[in-house]
C-alpha atoms as a PDB file:
ATOM      1  CA  MET A   1      73.075 -75.119  67.931  1.00  0.00           C
ATOM      2  CA  ASP A   2      73.898 -78.594  69.177  1.00  0.00           C
ATOM      3  CA  MET A   3      74.948 -81.452  66.924  1.00  0.00           C
ATOM      4  CA  ARG A   4      71.653 -83.387  67.235  1.00  0.00           C
ATOM      5  CA  ARG A   5      69.605 -80.374  66.124  1.00  0.00           C
ATOM      6  CA  ARG A   6      71.889 -79.786  63.147  1.00  0.00           C
ATOM      7  CA  GLN A   7      71.506 -83.423  62.131  1.00  0.00           C
ATOM      8  CA  ALA A   8      67.718 -83.224  62.454  1.00  0.00           C
ATOM      9  CA  ILE A   9      67.528 -80.051  60.333  1.00  0.00           C
ATOM     10  CA  GLY A  10      69.870 -81.581  57.767  1.00  0.00           C
ATOM     11  CA  ALA A  11      67.744 -84.706  57.560  1.00  0.00           C
ATOM     12  CA  GLY A  12      64.620 -82.579  57.152  1.00  0.00           C
ATOM     13  CA  VAL A  13      66.156 -80.558  54.313  1.00  0.00           C
ATOM     14  CA  ALA A  14      67.342 -83.725  52.584  1.00  0.00           C
ATOM     15  CA  THR A  15      63.882 -85.255  52.882  1.00  0.00           C
ATOM     16  CA  ALA A  16      62.255 -82.109  51.448  1.00  0.00           C
ATOM     17  CA  LEU A  17      64.677 -82.000  48.558  1.00  0.00           C
ATOM     18  CA  THR A  18      64.123 -85.681  47.832  1.00  0.00           C
ATOM     19  CA  PHE A  19      60.345 -85.219  47.871  1.00  0.00           C
ATOM     20  CA  ALA A  20      60.575 -82.175  45.568  1.00  0.00           C
ATOM     21  CA  SER A  21      62.776 -84.144  43.198  1.00  0.00           C
ATOM     22  CA  VAL A  22      60.336 -87.060  43.115  1.00  0.00           C
ATOM     23  CA  VAL A  23      57.396 -84.718  42.447  1.00  0.00           C
ATOM     24  CA  SER A  24      59.344 -82.988  39.679  1.00  0.00           C
ATOM     25  CA  VAL A  25      60.285 -86.263  38.021  1.00  0.00           C
ATOM     26  CA  ALA A  26      56.736 -87.556  38.331  1.00  0.00           C
ATOM     27  CA  ALA A  27      55.331 -84.389  36.760  1.00  0.00           C
ATOM     28  CA  ALA A  28      57.820 -84.554  33.914  1.00  0.00           C
ATOM     29  CA  SER A  29      57.045 -88.227  33.364  1.00  0.00           C
ATOM     30  CA  GLU A  30      53.324 -87.512  33.310  1.00  0.00           C
ATOM     31  CA  THR A  31      53.795 -84.952  30.551  1.00  0.00           C
ATOM     32  CA  ALA A  32      56.208 -87.101  28.551  1.00  0.00           C
ATOM     33  CA  THR A  33      54.008 -90.180  28.618  1.00  0.00           C
ATOM     34  CA  GLY A  34      50.826 -88.321  27.784  1.00  0.00           C
ATOM     35  CA  ALA A  35      49.032 -89.271  31.003  1.00  0.00           C
ATOM     36  CA  LYS A  36      46.686 -86.338  30.437  1.00  0.00           C
ATOM     37  CA  SER A  37      46.190 -87.056  26.735  1.00  0.00           C
ATOM     38  CA  GLU A  38      42.825 -86.972  25.007  1.00  0.00           C
ATOM     39  CA  PRO A  39      40.986 -90.261  24.295  1.00  0.00           C
ATOM     40  CA  GLN A  40      41.112 -89.639  20.548  1.00  0.00           C
ATOM     41  CA  ASP A  41      44.931 -89.672  20.721  1.00  0.00           C
ATOM     42  CA  ALA A  42      45.113 -93.267  22.015  1.00  0.00           C
ATOM     43  CA  TRP A  43      46.219 -94.486  18.562  1.00  0.00           C
ATOM     44  CA  LEU A  44      49.581 -92.816  19.143  1.00  0.00           C
ATOM     45  CA  ASP A  45      50.323 -95.403  21.848  1.00  0.00           C
ATOM     46  CA  GLN A  46      49.604 -98.435  19.669  1.00  0.00           C
ATOM     47  CA  GLY A  47      53.113 -98.681  18.249  1.00  0.00           C
ATOM     48  CA  GLY A  48      56.411 -99.436  19.933  1.00  0.00           C
ATOM     49  CA  ARG A  49      57.238 -97.607  23.139  1.00  0.00           C
ATOM     50  CA  ARG A  50      61.024 -97.363  23.173  1.00  0.00           C
ATOM     51  CA  HIS A  51      61.900 -95.420  20.037  1.00  0.00           C
ATOM     52  CA  ARG A  52      59.196 -93.078  18.782  1.00  0.00           C
ATOM     53  CA  ILE A  53      59.480 -90.608  15.940  1.00  0.00           C
ATOM     54  CA  VAL A  54      57.019 -88.517  13.965  1.00  0.00           C
ATOM     55  CA  PHE A  55      57.861 -87.164  10.502  1.00  0.00           C
ATOM     56  CA  ASP A  56      55.988 -83.992   9.580  1.00  0.00           C
ATOM     57  CA  THR A  57      55.410 -83.451   5.843  1.00  0.00           C
ATOM     58  CA  ILE A  58      53.639 -80.584   4.086  1.00  0.00           C
ATOM     59  CA  SER A  59      54.729 -81.097   0.467  1.00  0.00           C
ATOM     60  CA  ALA A  60      55.039 -83.950  -2.024  1.00  0.00           C
ATOM     61  CA  THR A  61      58.825 -83.698  -1.884  1.00  0.00           C
ATOM     62  CA  GLY A  62      58.747 -83.587   1.911  1.00  0.00           C
ATOM     63  CA  LEU A  63      56.631 -86.736   2.017  1.00  0.00           C
ATOM     64  CA  GLY A  64      59.157 -88.490  -0.219  1.00  0.00           C
ATOM     65  CA  PHE A  65      61.990 -87.489   2.104  1.00  0.00           C
ATOM     66  CA  GLY A  66      59.972 -88.565   5.140  1.00  0.00           C
ATOM     67  CA  MET A  67      59.364 -91.981   3.599  1.00  0.00           C
ATOM     68  CA  ARG A  68      63.083 -92.468   3.003  1.00  0.00           C
ATOM     69  CA  PHE A  69      63.956 -91.348   6.544  1.00  0.00           C
ATOM     70  CA  ALA A  70      61.311 -93.674   7.977  1.00  0.00           C
ATOM     71  CA  ASP A  71      62.657 -96.594   5.950  1.00  0.00           C
ATOM     72  CA  ASN A  72      66.120 -95.956   7.416  1.00  0.00           C
ATOM     73  CA  PHE A  73      64.706 -95.615  10.928  1.00  0.00           C
ATOM     74  CA  PHE A  74      63.056 -99.032  10.762  1.00  0.00           C
ATOM     75  CA  GLU A  75      66.457-100.709  10.931  1.00  0.00           C
ATOM     76  CA  ALA A  76      66.206-100.416  14.735  1.00  0.00           C
ATOM     77  CA  ASN A  77      63.786-102.338  16.983  1.00  0.00           C
ATOM     78  CA  GLU A  78      60.631-101.595  18.989  1.00  0.00           C
ATOM     79  CA  LEU A  79      59.769 -98.600  16.853  1.00  0.00           C
ATOM     80  CA  SER A  80      56.738 -96.410  16.529  1.00  0.00           C
ATOM     81  CA  VAL A  81      56.779 -94.346  13.339  1.00  0.00           C
ATOM     82  CA  VAL A  82      54.110 -91.812  12.413  1.00  0.00           C
ATOM     83  CA  ILE A  83      54.221 -89.866   9.165  1.00  0.00           C
ATOM     84  CA  ILE A  84      52.091 -86.739   9.145  1.00  0.00           C
ATOM     85  CA  VAL A  85      50.518 -86.079   5.754  1.00  0.00           C
ATOM     86  CA  ARG A  86      49.144 -82.553   5.543  1.00  0.00           C
ATOM     87  CA  HIS A  87      48.945 -79.463   3.349  1.00  0.00           C
ATOM     88  CA  MET A  88      50.425 -80.157  -0.112  1.00  0.00           C
ATOM     89  CA  SER A  89      51.574 -83.712   0.687  1.00  0.00           C
ATOM     90  CA  THR A  90      47.994 -84.907   1.299  1.00  0.00           C
ATOM     91  CA  PRO A  91      47.100 -85.989  -2.286  1.00  0.00           C
ATOM     92  CA  LEU A  92      49.803 -88.670  -2.202  1.00  0.00           C
ATOM     93  CA  ILE A  93      48.089 -90.604   0.579  1.00  0.00           C
ATOM     94  CA  PHE A  94      45.173 -91.508  -1.742  1.00  0.00           C
ATOM     95  CA  ASN A  95      45.154 -94.656  -3.868  1.00  0.00           C
ATOM     96  CA  ASP A  96      45.180 -95.203  -7.616  1.00  0.00           C
ATOM     97  CA  HIS A  97      41.399 -94.892  -7.928  1.00  0.00           C
ATOM     98  CA  ILE A  98      41.598 -91.271  -6.791  1.00  0.00           C
ATOM     99  CA  TRP A  99      44.604 -90.482  -8.953  1.00  0.00           C
ATOM    100  CA  ASP A 100      43.081 -92.073 -12.038  1.00  0.00           C
ATOM    101  CA  LYS A 101      39.907 -90.065 -11.536  1.00  0.00           C
ATOM    102  CA  TYR A 102      41.250 -86.723 -10.281  1.00  0.00           C
ATOM    103  CA  GLY A 103      44.940 -86.701 -11.216  1.00  0.00           C
ATOM    104  CA  ASP A 104      44.561 -83.629 -13.450  1.00  0.00           C
ATOM    105  CA  PHE A 105      43.540 -81.592 -10.411  1.00  0.00           C
ATOM    106  CA  LEU A 106      45.733 -83.181  -7.729  1.00  0.00           C
ATOM    107  CA  ILE A 107      48.873 -82.341  -9.703  1.00  0.00           C
ATOM    108  CA  ASP A 108      48.263 -78.659  -8.918  1.00  0.00           C
ATOM    109  CA  ARG A 109      49.238 -79.445  -5.332  1.00  0.00           C
ATOM    110  CA  THR A 110      51.972 -82.064  -5.671  1.00  0.00           C
ATOM    111  CA  ARG A 111      53.750 -80.720  -8.789  1.00  0.00           C
ATOM    112  CA  ILE A 112      55.238 -84.179  -9.370  1.00  0.00           C
ATOM    113  CA  PHE A 113      54.493 -85.482 -12.864  1.00  0.00           C
ATOM    114  CA  ASP A 114      54.758 -89.078 -13.980  1.00  0.00           C
ATOM    115  CA  PRO A 115      58.427 -89.371 -15.090  1.00  0.00           C
ATOM    116  CA  ARG A 116      57.446 -91.955 -17.721  1.00  0.00           C
ATOM    117  CA  THR A 117      54.843 -89.842 -19.490  1.00  0.00           C
ATOM    118  CA  LYS A 118      55.645 -86.296 -18.288  1.00  0.00           C
ATOM    119  CA  ALA A 119      51.890 -86.003 -17.716  1.00  0.00           C
ATOM    120  CA  PRO A 120      49.722 -85.825 -14.584  1.00  0.00           C
ATOM    121  CA  PRO A 121      49.912 -89.240 -12.832  1.00  0.00           C
ATOM    122  CA  ARG A 122      47.108 -91.763 -13.154  1.00  0.00           C
ATOM    123  CA  SER A 123      48.366 -93.719 -10.154  1.00  0.00           C
ATOM    124  CA  ASN A 124      50.033 -92.882  -6.855  1.00  0.00           C
ATOM    125  CA  LEU A 125      53.695 -92.400  -7.779  1.00  0.00           C
ATOM    126  CA  TYR A 126      54.797 -93.142  -4.224  1.00  0.00           C
ATOM    127  CA  ASN A 127      53.251 -96.592  -4.306  1.00  0.00           C
ATOM    128  CA  ILE A 128      54.510 -98.100  -7.567  1.00  0.00           C
ATOM    129  CA  ASP A 129      57.853 -99.384  -8.794  1.00  0.00           C
ATOM    130  CA  LEU A 130      59.744 -96.552 -10.469  1.00  0.00           C
ATOM    131  CA  SER A 131      63.257 -97.846  -9.814  1.00  0.00           C
ATOM    132  CA  ASN A 132      64.523 -96.446 -13.103  1.00  0.00           C
ATOM    133  CA  HIS A 133      63.314 -92.945 -12.245  1.00  0.00           C
ATOM    134  CA  GLU A 134      64.426 -90.711  -9.413  1.00  0.00           C
ATOM    135  CA  LEU A 135      61.668 -89.293  -7.227  1.00  0.00           C
ATOM    136  CA  PRO A 136      62.049 -87.909  -3.684  1.00  0.00           C
ATOM    137  CA  ASN A 137      60.968 -91.215  -2.103  1.00  0.00           C
ATOM    138  CA  ARG A 138      63.724 -93.145  -3.973  1.00  0.00           C
ATOM    139  CA  ASN A 139      61.326 -96.044  -4.635  1.00  0.00           C
ATOM    140  CA  VAL A 140      60.362 -96.509  -0.976  1.00  0.00           C
ATOM    141  CA  LYS A 141      56.657 -97.336  -1.189  1.00  0.00           C
ATOM    142  CA  LEU A 142      53.839 -96.307   1.121  1.00  0.00           C
ATOM    143  CA  THR A 143      52.502 -99.858   1.444  1.00  0.00           C
ATOM    144  CA  ASP A 144      55.995-101.195   2.211  1.00  0.00           C
ATOM    145  CA  LEU A 145      56.276 -98.748   5.110  1.00  0.00           C
ATOM    146  CA  SER A 146      52.806 -99.754   6.228  1.00  0.00           C
ATOM    147  CA  LYS A 147      53.899-103.404   6.394  1.00  0.00           C
ATOM    148  CA  LEU A 148      56.852-102.368   8.554  1.00  0.00           C
ATOM    149  CA  GLY A 149      54.428-100.701  10.980  1.00  0.00           C
ATOM    150  CA  ALA A 150      54.412 -97.066   9.908  1.00  0.00           C
ATOM    151  CA  ARG A 151      51.185 -95.180  10.426  1.00  0.00           C
ATOM    152  CA  PHE A 152      50.036 -92.170   8.445  1.00  0.00           C
ATOM    153  CA  ALA A 153      48.104 -89.304  10.010  1.00  0.00           C
ATOM    154  CA  VAL A 154      46.024 -87.727   7.222  1.00  0.00           C
ATOM    155  CA  CYS A 155      44.799 -84.168   7.687  1.00  0.00           C
ATOM    156  CA  ALA A 156      40.999 -83.951   7.349  1.00  0.00           C
ATOM    157  CA  LEU A 157      41.161 -80.183   6.822  1.00  0.00           C
ATOM    158  CA  ALA A 158      43.576 -80.546   3.904  1.00  0.00           C
ATOM    159  CA  SER A 159      41.433 -83.359   2.492  1.00  0.00           C
ATOM    160  CA  LYS A 160      38.372 -81.123   2.697  1.00  0.00           C
ATOM    161  CA  ASP A 161      40.224 -78.370   0.826  1.00  0.00           C
ATOM    162  CA  ILE A 162      41.131 -80.891  -1.882  1.00  0.00           C
ATOM    163  CA  ALA A 163      37.508 -82.057  -2.130  1.00  0.00           C
ATOM    164  CA  ILE A 164      36.286 -78.470  -2.515  1.00  0.00           C
ATOM    165  CA  ALA A 165      38.869 -77.707  -5.226  1.00  0.00           C
ATOM    166  CA  VAL A 166      38.080 -80.894  -7.152  1.00  0.00           C
ATOM    167  CA  ALA A 167      34.331 -80.286  -6.862  1.00  0.00           C
ATOM    168  CA  GLN A 168      34.746 -76.840  -8.390  1.00  0.00           C
ATOM    169  CA  ASN A 169      36.619 -78.320 -11.346  1.00  0.00           C
ATOM    170  CA  VAL A 170      34.272 -81.227 -12.029  1.00  0.00           C
ATOM    171  CA  ASN A 171      31.064 -79.477 -11.000  1.00  0.00           C
ATOM    172  CA  GLY A 172      30.612 -82.103  -8.282  1.00  0.00           C
ATOM    173  CA  ASP A 173      29.562 -82.281  -4.645  1.00  0.00           C
ATOM    174  CA  ALA A 174      32.416 -81.515  -2.241  1.00  0.00           C
ATOM    175  CA  ASP A 175      30.960 -83.595   0.603  1.00  0.00           C
ATOM    176  CA  ALA A 176      30.580 -86.644  -1.642  1.00  0.00           C
ATOM    177  CA  ILE A 177      34.120 -86.239  -2.968  1.00  0.00           C
ATOM    178  CA  LEU A 178      35.476 -85.915   0.587  1.00  0.00           C
ATOM    179  CA  LYS A 179      33.802 -89.212   1.503  1.00  0.00           C
ATOM    180  CA  GLU A 180      35.342 -90.757  -1.619  1.00  0.00           C
ATOM    181  CA  LEU A 181      38.783 -89.531  -0.538  1.00  0.00           C
ATOM    182  CA  GLU A 182      38.308 -90.918   2.964  1.00  0.00           C
ATOM    183  CA  ALA A 183      37.319 -94.303   1.535  1.00  0.00           C
ATOM    184  CA  ASN A 184      40.375 -94.502  -0.716  1.00  0.00           C
ATOM    185  CA  LEU A 185      43.399 -94.024   1.503  1.00  0.00           C
ATOM    186  CA  VAL A 186      46.434 -95.824   0.137  1.00  0.00           C
ATOM    187  CA  SER A 187      47.042 -97.923   3.258  1.00  0.00           C
ATOM    188  CA  ASP A 188      45.030 -99.524   6.039  1.00  0.00           C
ATOM    189  CA  THR A 189      47.459 -97.916   8.504  1.00  0.00           C
ATOM    190  CA  ALA A 190      46.434 -94.440   7.321  1.00  0.00           C
ATOM    191  CA  LEU A 191      44.159 -92.622   9.751  1.00  0.00           C
ATOM    192  CA  MET A 192      42.134 -89.484   9.023  1.00  0.00           C
ATOM    193  CA  VAL A 193      42.619 -87.000  11.878  1.00  0.00           C
ATOM    194  CA  PRO A 194      40.760 -83.703  12.424  1.00  0.00           C
ATOM    195  CA  ALA A 195      43.833 -81.503  11.865  1.00  0.00           C
ATOM    196  CA  ASP A 196      47.428 -82.632  11.547  1.00  0.00           C
ATOM    197  CA  ILE A 197      48.824 -79.533  13.213  1.00  0.00           C
ATOM    198  CA  LEU A 198      47.269 -81.026  16.366  1.00  0.00           C
ATOM    199  CA  THR A 199      49.019 -84.330  15.665  1.00  0.00           C
ATOM    200  CA  VAL A 200      52.340 -82.475  15.553  1.00  0.00           C
ATOM    201  CA  ASN A 201      51.624 -81.348  19.112  1.00  0.00           C
ATOM    202  CA  ARG A 202      50.041 -84.517  20.481  1.00  0.00           C
ATOM    203  CA  ALA A 203      52.733 -86.836  19.124  1.00  0.00           C
ATOM    204  CA  GLN A 204      55.380 -84.914  21.036  1.00  0.00           C
ATOM    205  CA  GLU A 205      53.246 -85.105  24.175  1.00  0.00           C
ATOM    206  CA  HIS A 206      53.269 -88.890  23.686  1.00  0.00           C
ATOM    207  CA  GLY A 207      57.057 -89.035  23.601  1.00  0.00           C
ATOM    208  CA  TYR A 208      57.728 -88.903  19.855  1.00  0.00           C
ATOM    209  CA  THR A 209      60.874 -87.257  18.543  1.00  0.00           C
ATOM    210  CA  PHE A 210      59.900 -84.640  15.944  1.00  0.00           C
ATOM    211  CA  SER A 211      61.445 -84.539  12.476  1.00  0.00           C
ATOM    212  CA  TYR A 212      60.357 -81.934   9.919  1.00  0.00           C
ATOM    213  CA  CYS A 213      60.773 -83.099   6.328  1.00  0.00           C
ATOM    214  CA  GLY A 214      59.372 -80.195   4.312  1.00  0.00           C
END
């Protein structure tokens, strides 16, 4: 094989490898940036684009830890922070109206009593000043995180389960109670989503680092 043919074959192989590499990178980028994402997931791209993290919480204690971690994370710039509120952490995303009205039943899920009274809370313990008492959130408040830009993904399935349980205890209408829950989220950056287990998946498709808080 003469030198010119070898050079031509070598150039062809190099070109093929370069093309394959570009295609591979493009495909990876498409997945990482969520180019094929669903329209209902567009809210995940409303925050910062450089440093993205999603905290997954399924218990009251886990939500408290997630709030503390998020507060620490906000020391950097261009952030996008999402806190997933599902399963047993869900009651703590509702405001004082809900806790004052249904606190006796919500405590069955959170298991966090008011440290001042040792009784079921009549307000959202993660949104009031309790600096003299140690709770998992260490006095980091939901509304403070909201002001920093944190968004809360609230599980509609868990909220429905709460509404059904409360309705059984108060002899009420579960659908009406669910609407009441939806209307009384603790922050205007809280968003009701169909199922937060989907948000766990979709956030990672949109380039969020995943952090499980318990």
